[in-house]
Protein backbone atom coordinates (compact mmCIF):
# COMPACT_ATOMS: atom_id res chain seq x y z
CA MET A 1 67.51 -30.85 -73.66
CA LEU A 2 70.97 -29.06 -71.22
CA ALA A 3 68.87 -30.47 -68.63
CA ALA A 4 68.18 -33.53 -69.75
CA LEU A 5 71.12 -34.25 -70.94
CA LEU A 6 72.36 -33.10 -68.14
CA PHE A 7 70.60 -36.19 -65.96
CA ALA A 8 70.98 -38.70 -68.85
CA VAL A 9 75.01 -39.24 -68.47
CA PRO A 10 75.07 -39.93 -64.66
CA LEU A 11 72.29 -42.70 -64.95
CA LEU A 12 74.74 -43.77 -68.41
CA ALA A 13 76.61 -44.01 -66.78
CA VAL A 14 75.46 -46.50 -63.94
CA SER A 15 74.28 -48.22 -66.14
CA THR A 16 77.46 -49.89 -67.92
CA ALA A 17 78.80 -49.63 -64.37
CA PRO A 18 80.58 -53.66 -65.04
CA ALA A 19 78.32 -55.80 -62.54
CA PRO A 20 78.96 -56.67 -59.29
CA ALA A 21 78.74 -60.57 -58.72
CA ARG A 22 75.58 -61.39 -58.53
CA MET A 23 73.51 -62.46 -55.67
CA ALA A 24 70.48 -62.70 -53.81
CA ARG A 25 68.56 -60.65 -51.48
CA SER A 26 69.77 -63.51 -48.68
CA ARG A 27 73.60 -63.52 -49.40
CA GLU A 28 73.49 -66.97 -51.65
CA PRO A 29 74.76 -67.21 -55.58
CA VAL A 30 72.16 -66.67 -57.76
CA ALA A 31 73.73 -69.64 -59.49
CA ALA A 32 73.14 -71.62 -55.84
CA ILE A 33 68.56 -71.24 -56.05
CA ASP A 34 68.46 -71.50 -60.05
CA GLU A 35 70.29 -75.02 -58.59
CA SER A 36 67.98 -75.73 -56.03
CA TYR A 37 65.13 -74.20 -58.52
CA ARG A 38 66.46 -76.62 -60.24
CA CYS A 39 66.74 -79.17 -57.61
CA LEU A 40 62.47 -79.13 -57.01
CA ALA A 41 61.77 -78.70 -60.25
CA LYS A 42 62.87 -81.94 -62.35
CA ALA A 43 62.96 -85.74 -61.76
CA LYS A 44 65.41 -88.53 -61.10
CA GLU A 45 69.36 -88.27 -61.42
CA GLU A 46 69.56 -84.57 -63.37
CA GLY A 47 67.00 -83.45 -59.69
CA ILE A 48 69.60 -84.94 -57.82
CA VAL A 49 72.55 -83.56 -59.50
CA ALA A 50 71.16 -79.75 -58.54
CA CYS A 51 70.38 -80.97 -55.51
CA GLN A 52 73.77 -82.23 -55.30
CA LYS A 53 75.71 -78.93 -56.87
CA ALA A 54 72.59 -76.35 -55.25
CA LEU A 55 74.24 -77.42 -51.53
CA THR A 56 77.44 -77.39 -53.28
CA LEU A 57 77.11 -73.52 -54.06
CA GLY A 58 76.22 -72.54 -50.58
CA LEU A 59 72.76 -71.89 -49.23
CA ALA A 60 71.44 -70.06 -46.66
CA PRO A 61 70.58 -73.18 -43.23
CA TRP A 62 66.67 -72.77 -43.97
CA ARG A 63 67.18 -73.67 -47.20
CA ALA A 64 70.09 -76.05 -47.60
CA GLU A 65 67.56 -78.01 -44.98
CA VAL A 66 65.24 -78.33 -47.81
CA ILE A 67 67.32 -78.38 -50.86
CA ARG A 68 68.51 -82.09 -48.59
CA GLN A 69 65.36 -83.23 -47.32
CA ALA A 70 64.42 -83.27 -52.00
CA LEU A 71 68.05 -84.72 -52.27
CA ALA A 72 67.02 -87.28 -49.29
CA VAL A 73 63.19 -88.12 -51.02
CA LYS A 74 64.67 -88.53 -54.84
CA LEU A 75 67.83 -90.79 -53.38
CA THR A 76 65.10 -93.30 -51.89
CA ASN A 77 63.09 -93.37 -54.75
CA LEU A 78 66.25 -94.67 -56.61
CA VAL A 79 66.36 -96.78 -54.31
CA ARG A 80 69.99 -95.64 -53.44
CA LEU A 81 69.03 -95.48 -49.72
CA GLU A 82 73.14 -95.56 -48.52
CA GLU A 83 72.81 -92.32 -49.83
CA ALA A 84 69.88 -91.00 -49.16
CA VAL A 85 70.59 -91.97 -44.87
CA GLU A 86 73.79 -90.17 -45.32
CA VAL A 87 71.92 -86.99 -46.63
CA TYR A 88 69.42 -87.71 -43.02
CA ARG A 89 72.52 -88.05 -40.68
CA GLU A 90 74.21 -84.35 -42.41
CA SER A 91 70.71 -82.99 -41.48
CA ALA A 92 70.83 -84.62 -37.88
CA ARG A 93 73.62 -83.47 -37.89
CA LEU A 94 74.00 -80.03 -38.45
């Protein structure tokens, strides 16, 4: 009984410690990854806003490129061509 109690106390201390800011394995903020999923899942203006937010939150370069491409397509679909061209230009710069 005492051994079980001694084993459980350190686990309790670990589980109640304040968690650091959540980061994904790739060191991207979890909020950025969540927004990138929302960007890919949503259509029209809601998807555009999610894409733009994901890009501002700091994604890994490879994921940011996927999101930029999705953003450009969404902008093109809504005939926001000047904005779409700017996104393509940004991709070309990077």
